[in-house]
Amino acid sequence: MVVTIDNKLMPLEPMHKARLWMPERVMFTPAALEEPWGQQILARIQSLNLPIEELPRNRLTGLRGADDRATYDIAKRTLAIVTAPPSAFKLSPIPPSADWQFHIAEGCPAHCQYCYLAGSLQGPPVIRVFANLPQILANLAAYERPSDATSFEVSCYTDPLGIEHLTGSLAECIRYFGTRQDGYLRWVSKFDAVDNLLDLPHNGHTRCRVSVNAAPVAGRFEGGTASVTARLQALRRLAVGGYPVGLVIAPIMLMNDWELHYTQLFDSISEALDFDCDLTFELISHRFTPGSKEVLQSWYPQTKLDMDEAKRSVKRNKFGGTKYVYNGDTMKTMRRFFQQQITKRFPQASILYWT
């Protein structure tokens, strides 16, 4: 089967599992090596025969290239094991996704040309993993509301599944939340290596989500990830294993025949989740800021991603920041389409938000 976009034929994305990301360079700071969890990560890295560099000081060096693109290439091949700074222990709310966000890592091994981290993280986009995970988890209890479900998002600055084979940190988070009475974990991924998570004692306190998109978006702009079909099969395995699950459809893009492409995506979702399960949807339209556009164009100078401000409306936040979003009528039309598809196909599911 083929679909059309921009008057060209485009085959549907075949199923392929993502190759496990293997960094070319792994750096450990002295502080990270002093942590028991840092030693656990070290053992994992050693078992994979990856090159290890023990740094003399608690700072990362040698990550910049001749230009922004070269710096990006170096950073995206590098894994750094560090300790989370004191500021990481003061959590921030993250509506509408969750009550609070916390971080087990920063940076992502994927190559999405619309990357949400562009402009959000400082410096080269090296993947930093935090070795003081037990302290990070112990800090979360102070943010739980007694006798009231409190949700914690761990995917704001990383794709935790994409680095799980190197860290084991996502599984440790799932185990931790399985012991909580009022705390609930949320994570999302574009990868599919979930087998080691299936038998964990999650006790229904972790909602596993995959980020999916229409074939033209996933095929053109989501480099280094598992296919959407593989992600959906991974979500199916998690749902069968008793996890609450969810779909994050993002970033929703306006394109030629967009209704056809997204209908096809819903067909794939319906096929993968053809049984009753605890299911949610989160719907996020594409947007960008002046800062993120500049960073993305330096990382991907040949990108075909549409970031024409003239085609967008301006949205300002309370801090004076600017985002470029689709206009109001377009947003209403798109929102109506997605709500109708979900209501018709998954009447038991919840739509958590549209943004």
Protein backbone atom coordinates (compact mmCIF):
# COMPACT_ATOMS: atom_id res chain seq x y z
CA MET A 1 0.00 0.00 0.00
CA VAL A 2 1.21 3.53 -0.69
CA VAL A 3 0.03 6.97 0.30
CA THR A 4 0.60 10.29 -1.43
CA ILE A 5 2.29 13.34 -0.05
CA ASP A 6 3.40 16.40 -2.01
CA ASN A 7 2.19 14.63 -5.17
CA LYS A 8 4.74 11.85 -4.68
CA LEU A 9 4.23 8.23 -3.78
CA MET A 10 5.62 7.31 -0.39
CA PRO A 11 5.65 3.70 0.84
CA LEU A 12 4.42 3.02 4.30
CA GLU A 13 7.19 2.65 6.83
CA PRO A 14 8.21 -1.02 7.18
CA MET A 15 8.66 -2.49 10.62
CA HIS A 16 12.20 -2.35 11.91
CA LYS A 17 13.54 -2.55 15.41
CA ALA A 18 15.87 0.22 16.46
CA ARG A 19 19.49 -0.76 16.74
CA LEU A 20 20.66 -0.37 20.31
CA TRP A 21 22.63 2.84 20.54
CA MET A 22 26.28 2.16 21.29
CA PRO A 23 28.32 5.27 22.04
CA GLU A 24 31.77 5.61 20.57
CA ARG A 25 33.01 7.35 23.69
CA VAL A 26 31.97 6.78 27.32
CA MET A 27 33.19 9.20 29.97
CA PHE A 28 32.92 8.82 33.75
CA THR A 29 33.53 11.68 36.13
CA PRO A 30 35.27 10.93 39.46
CA ALA A 31 32.08 11.78 41.34
CA ALA A 32 30.07 9.33 39.22
CA LEU A 33 32.53 6.51 39.93
CA GLU A 34 32.11 7.10 43.66
CA GLU A 35 28.41 6.30 43.41
CA PRO A 36 27.23 2.66 43.75
CA TRP A 37 24.83 3.22 40.83
CA GLY A 38 27.71 4.64 38.83
CA GLN A 39 29.59 1.40 39.46
CA GLN A 40 26.57 -0.56 38.26
CA ILE A 41 26.56 1.45 35.03
CA LEU A 42 30.32 0.95 34.72
CA ALA A 43 29.85 -2.83 34.89
CA ARG A 44 27.22 -2.65 32.14
CA ILE A 45 29.49 -0.59 29.91
CA GLN A 46 32.42 -2.93 30.51
CA SER A 47 30.28 -5.96 29.60
CA LEU A 48 29.57 -4.34 26.23
CA ASN A 49 33.29 -3.74 25.58
CA LEU A 50 32.76 -0.04 24.98
CA PRO A 51 35.68 2.38 25.29
CA ILE A 52 35.76 3.94 28.75
CA GLU A 53 37.45 7.18 29.73
CA GLU A 54 37.85 8.08 33.41
CA LEU A 55 38.06 11.84 33.61
CA PRO A 56 40.49 13.57 35.99
CA ARG A 57 37.92 16.19 37.02
CA ASN A 58 34.16 16.52 37.30
CA ARG A 59 33.76 18.39 34.04
CA LEU A 60 33.31 17.30 30.44
CA THR A 61 35.79 18.42 27.81
CA GLY A 62 36.62 17.74 24.18
CA LEU A 63 33.02 17.88 22.96
CA ARG A 64 33.23 20.79 20.51
CA GLY A 65 34.02 20.49 16.84
CA ALA A 66 34.88 23.02 14.16
CA ASP A 67 31.26 24.15 13.81
CA ASP A 68 27.80 23.47 15.28
CA ARG A 69 27.18 20.45 13.08
CA ALA A 70 30.55 18.89 14.00
CA THR A 71 29.85 19.55 17.68
CA TYR A 72 26.47 17.85 17.28
CA ASP A 73 28.10 14.80 15.68
CA ILE A 74 30.68 14.46 18.45
CA ALA A 75 28.14 14.92 21.24
CA LYS A 76 25.63 12.45 19.79
CA ARG A 77 28.27 9.72 19.83
CA THR A 78 29.20 10.38 23.46
CA LEU A 79 27.81 9.04 26.73
CA ALA A 80 28.83 10.81 29.92
CA ILE A 81 28.18 9.39 33.38
CA VAL A 82 27.95 12.29 35.81
CA THR A 83 26.13 13.19 39.02
CA ALA A 84 22.96 15.26 39.02
CA PRO A 85 23.59 18.77 40.38
CA PRO A 86 21.83 20.06 43.53
CA SER A 87 19.34 21.96 41.34
CA ALA A 88 17.99 18.63 40.06
CA PHE A 89 16.56 17.92 43.50
CA LYS A 90 14.21 20.89 43.35
CA LEU A 91 11.45 19.57 41.11
CA SER A 92 9.40 21.65 38.69
CA PRO A 93 5.76 21.07 37.73
CA ILE A 94 5.22 19.92 34.15
CA PRO A 95 1.56 20.42 33.23
CA PRO A 96 -0.28 19.03 31.40
CA SER A 97 1.96 15.94 31.23
CA ALA A 98 2.38 15.31 34.96
CA ASP A 99 2.47 16.93 38.38
CA TRP A 100 6.26 16.92 38.53
CA GLN A 101 9.26 16.21 36.33
CA PHE A 102 12.48 14.59 37.44
CA HIS A 103 15.55 13.56 35.47
CA ILE A 104 17.67 10.43 35.32
CA ALA A 105 19.54 11.66 32.24
CA GLU A 106 19.76 14.56 29.82
CA GLY A 107 20.09 14.17 26.06
CA CYS A 108 18.79 11.59 23.62
CA PRO A 109 20.43 9.17 21.15
CA ALA A 110 17.76 9.72 18.47
CA HIS A 111 18.07 12.22 15.61
CA CYS A 112 14.63 13.84 15.37
CA GLN A 113 14.81 16.94 13.20
CA TYR A 114 12.13 18.68 15.27
CA CYS A 115 13.87 17.76 18.57
CA TYR A 116 12.14 19.28 21.60
CA LEU A 117 15.47 19.49 23.43
CA ALA A 118 16.89 22.01 20.94
CA GLY A 119 17.24 25.23 22.82
CA SER A 120 16.22 23.61 26.14
CA LEU A 121 19.55 22.11 27.21
CA GLN A 122 22.77 24.05 27.40
CA GLY A 123 25.92 23.13 25.54
CA PRO A 124 26.61 20.23 23.16
CA PRO A 125 23.80 17.60 23.12
CA VAL A 126 25.91 14.88 24.78
CA ILE A 127 23.88 12.19 26.56
CA ARG A 128 24.46 12.67 30.29
CA VAL A 129 23.35 9.92 32.68
CA PHE A 130 23.09 10.56 36.41
CA ALA A 131 24.97 8.15 38.66
CA ASN A 132 23.31 9.29 41.90
CA LEU A 133 19.99 7.68 40.99
CA PRO A 134 19.13 6.36 44.50
CA GLN A 135 19.28 9.90 45.89
CA ILE A 136 17.18 11.20 43.00
CA LEU A 137 14.49 8.61 43.69
CA ALA A 138 14.56 9.11 47.47
CA ASN A 139 13.95 12.83 46.92
CA LEU A 140 10.64 12.18 45.14
CA ALA A 141 8.74 11.10 48.26
CA ALA A 142 8.70 14.69 49.54
CA TYR A 143 6.66 15.70 46.48
CA GLU A 144 3.95 13.07 46.81
CA ARG A 145 0.54 14.20 48.05
CA PRO A 146 -0.62 11.85 50.82
CA SER A 147 -3.70 9.85 49.83
CA ASP A 148 -3.77 11.56 46.43
CA ALA A 149 -2.20 10.21 43.23
CA THR A 150 0.90 12.21 42.27
CA SER A 151 2.43 11.75 38.83
CA PHE A 152 6.11 12.10 37.89
CA GLU A 153 7.36 12.47 34.31
CA VAL A 154 10.88 11.16 33.61
CA SER A 155 11.05 11.76 29.84
CA CYS A 156 11.31 15.54 29.59
CA TYR A 157 15.03 15.68 28.84
CA THR A 158 15.77 12.19 27.54
CA ASP A 159 14.37 9.05 26.01
CA PRO A 160 14.93 6.67 28.93
CA LEU A 161 14.27 3.50 26.93
CA GLY A 162 16.80 4.48 24.27
CA ILE A 163 19.64 4.27 26.83
CA GLU A 164 18.19 1.62 29.16
CA HIS A 165 20.54 -1.12 27.94
CA LEU A 166 23.44 1.06 29.06
CA THR A 167 22.04 2.29 32.39
CA GLY A 168 19.28 0.10 33.84
CA SER A 169 17.91 3.31 35.32
CA LEU A 170 14.39 3.11 33.88
CA ALA A 171 13.87 -0.36 35.35
CA GLU A 172 15.07 0.93 38.73
CA CYS A 173 12.53 3.78 38.54
CA ILE A 174 9.75 1.31 37.73
CA ARG A 175 10.73 -0.86 40.71
CA TYR A 176 10.76 2.19 42.97
CA PHE A 177 7.32 3.40 41.94
CA GLY A 178 6.00 -0.14 42.32
CA THR A 179 6.58 0.29 46.06
CA ARG A 180 4.83 3.66 46.35
CA GLN A 181 1.29 4.16 47.53
CA ASP A 182 0.59 7.54 45.96
CA GLY A 183 3.40 8.06 43.43
CA TYR A 184 3.03 7.20 39.73
CA LEU A 185 5.70 7.16 37.04
CA ARG A 186 5.26 8.24 33.41
CA TRP A 187 7.74 7.71 30.57
CA VAL A 188 7.60 7.90 26.78
CA SER A 189 9.89 6.59 24.05
CA LYS A 190 10.46 6.21 20.32
CA PHE A 191 12.33 2.94 20.91
CA ASP A 192 11.08 -0.60 21.37
CA ALA A 193 13.50 -2.63 23.55
CA VAL A 194 11.00 -3.37 26.33
CA ASP A 195 11.63 -7.06 27.01
CA ASN A 196 13.59 -6.42 30.22
CA LEU A 197 10.71 -4.34 31.60
CA LEU A 198 7.90 -6.83 31.11
CA ASP A 199 8.27 -8.79 34.35
CA LEU A 200 9.10 -5.93 36.72
CA PRO A 201 6.93 -5.44 39.84
CA HIS A 202 5.32 -2.24 38.58
CA ASN A 203 2.02 -2.74 40.47
CA GLY A 204 0.23 -0.53 37.96
CA HIS A 205 2.18 2.55 39.07
CA THR A 206 4.01 3.14 35.78
CA ARG A 207 2.32 4.33 32.60
CA CYS A 208 4.38 3.40 29.56
CA ARG A 209 3.81 5.49 26.44
CA VAL A 210 5.22 5.52 22.95
CA SER A 211 5.49 8.58 20.74
CA VAL A 212 4.09 7.93 17.27
CA ASN A 213 3.40 9.88 14.11
CA ALA A 214 2.15 9.59 10.56
CA ALA A 215 4.44 7.85 8.06
CA PRO A 216 5.70 11.02 6.30
CA VAL A 217 6.76 12.56 9.62
CA ALA A 218 8.24 9.43 11.21
CA GLY A 219 9.98 8.39 7.99
CA ARG A 220 11.53 11.77 7.22
CA PHE A 221 12.24 13.37 10.57
CA GLU A 222 12.81 10.65 13.20
CA GLY A 223 16.27 9.27 12.52
CA GLY A 224 17.76 6.54 14.67
CA THR A 225 14.45 5.40 16.16
CA ALA A 226 12.38 2.22 15.92
CA SER A 227 9.66 2.20 13.29
CA VAL A 228 6.20 3.22 14.43
CA THR A 229 5.07 -0.37 13.87
CA ALA A 230 7.81 -1.66 16.17
CA ARG A 231 6.92 0.93 18.82
CA LEU A 232 3.28 -0.12 18.71
CA GLN A 233 4.20 -3.78 19.06
CA ALA A 234 6.34 -2.89 22.08
CA LEU A 235 3.39 -1.02 23.59
CA ARG A 236 1.19 -4.03 22.97
CA ARG A 237 3.62 -6.25 24.91
CA LEU A 238 3.64 -3.80 27.79
CA ALA A 239 -0.17 -3.63 27.86
CA VAL A 240 -0.43 -7.42 27.82
CA GLY A 241 2.00 -7.37 30.75
CA GLY A 242 -0.48 -5.30 32.76
CA TYR A 243 1.08 -1.88 32.45
CA PRO A 244 -1.13 1.16 31.94
CA VAL A 245 -0.13 2.44 28.49
CA GLY A 246 -0.49 5.50 26.31
CA LEU A 247 0.05 7.05 22.90
CA VAL A 248 1.69 10.43 22.49
CA ILE A 249 0.92 11.61 18.96
CA ALA A 250 3.51 14.29 18.42
CA PRO A 251 4.32 16.54 16.80
CA ILE A 252 1.11 16.60 14.78
CA MET A 253 1.94 18.29 11.47
CA LEU A 254 -0.18 19.87 8.81
CA MET A 255 0.74 18.34 5.44
CA ASN A 256 -0.89 17.41 2.18
CA ASP A 257 -3.48 14.70 2.82
CA TRP A 258 -2.83 14.93 6.56
CA GLU A 259 -6.18 13.30 7.38
CA LEU A 260 -5.32 10.31 5.21
CA HIS A 261 -1.90 9.88 6.81
CA TYR A 262 -3.20 10.16 10.36
CA THR A 263 -6.15 7.87 9.60
CA GLN A 264 -3.60 5.30 8.50
CA LEU A 265 -1.73 5.82 11.80
CA PHE A 266 -4.95 5.18 13.72
CA ASP A 267 -5.48 2.02 11.66
CA SER A 268 -2.08 0.80 12.87
CA ILE A 269 -2.86 1.71 16.47
CA SER A 270 -6.20 -0.10 16.28
CA GLU A 271 -4.49 -3.21 14.94
CA ALA A 272 -1.84 -3.22 17.66
CA LEU A 273 -4.23 -2.49 20.54
CA ASP A 274 -7.16 -4.66 19.54
CA PHE A 275 -8.12 -5.46 23.15
CA ASP A 276 -9.30 -3.50 26.17
CA CYS A 277 -6.48 -1.93 28.16
CA ASP A 278 -5.81 1.08 30.35
CA LEU A 279 -5.08 3.54 27.55
CA THR A 280 -4.53 7.30 27.27
CA PHE A 281 -3.80 9.70 24.42
CA GLU A 282 -1.77 12.91 24.45
CA LEU A 283 -2.00 15.13 21.37
CA ILE A 284 0.69 17.72 20.67
CA SER A 285 0.72 19.91 17.57
CA HIS A 286 4.00 21.02 16.04
CA ARG A 287 5.44 24.28 17.30
CA PHE A 288 8.83 25.91 17.48
CA THR A 289 10.56 28.90 19.01
CA PRO A 290 13.07 31.28 17.40
CA GLY A 291 15.78 29.68 19.52
CA SER A 292 14.88 26.09 18.72
CA LYS A 293 14.66 26.89 14.99
CA GLU A 294 18.16 28.33 15.03
CA VAL A 295 19.59 25.29 16.85
CA LEU A 296 17.76 22.77 14.67
CA GLN A 297 18.92 24.39 11.46
CA SER A 298 22.50 24.28 12.73
CA TRP A 299 22.13 20.58 13.59
CA TYR A 300 20.22 19.67 10.40
CA PRO A 301 21.13 22.25 7.74
CA GLN A 302 19.42 20.24 4.97
CA THR A 303 16.17 19.67 6.86
CA LYS A 304 12.83 19.91 5.04
CA LEU A 305 10.98 20.59 8.27
CA ASP A 306 8.50 23.43 7.78
CA MET A 307 9.43 26.24 10.18
CA ASP A 308 8.10 29.19 8.19
CA GLU A 309 6.95 31.79 10.71
CA ALA A 310 4.71 33.42 8.08
CA LYS A 311 2.49 30.32 8.09
CA ARG A 312 2.05 30.32 11.88
CA SER A 313 0.44 32.25 14.67
CA VAL A 314 2.46 33.68 17.54
CA LYS A 315 1.83 32.37 21.04
CA ARG A 316 3.44 34.09 24.01
CA ASN A 317 3.88 32.65 27.48
CA LYS A 318 3.74 34.48 30.79
CA PHE A 319 7.50 34.91 30.78
CA GLY A 320 7.50 36.71 27.42
CA GLY A 321 8.70 33.73 25.39
CA THR A 322 7.45 33.25 21.83
CA LYS A 323 6.24 30.09 20.09
CA TYR A 324 5.03 29.67 16.53
CA VAL A 325 1.93 27.48 16.34
CA TYR A 326 -0.78 26.69 13.81
CA ASN A 327 -3.58 29.25 13.60
CA GLY A 328 -6.78 28.87 15.60
CA ASP A 329 -9.00 27.52 12.81
CA THR A 330 -6.41 24.93 11.79
CA MET A 331 -5.98 23.82 15.39
CA LYS A 332 -9.73 23.42 15.83
CA THR A 333 -10.02 21.35 12.66
CA MET A 334 -7.13 19.09 13.58
CA ARG A 335 -8.30 18.69 17.17
CA ARG A 336 -11.79 17.72 16.03
CA PHE A 337 -10.37 15.07 13.70
CA PHE A 338 -8.21 13.45 16.38
CA GLN A 339 -10.93 13.50 19.00
CA GLN A 340 -13.38 11.87 16.60
CA GLN A 341 -10.91 9.14 15.64
CA ILE A 342 -10.11 8.30 19.26
CA THR A 343 -13.71 8.41 20.46
CA LYS A 344 -14.82 6.13 17.64
CA ARG A 345 -11.99 3.62 17.86
CA PHE A 346 -11.12 3.66 21.58
CA PRO A 347 -14.22 4.69 23.53
CA GLN A 348 -12.67 3.46 26.79
CA ALA A 349 -9.53 5.59 26.38
CA SER A 350 -8.90 9.02 27.87
CA ILE A 351 -7.61 12.03 25.96
CA LEU A 352 -5.42 13.74 28.53
CA TYR A 353 -4.85 16.95 26.59
CA TRP A 354 -4.48 18.68 23.23
CA THR A 355 -1.87 21.36 22.87
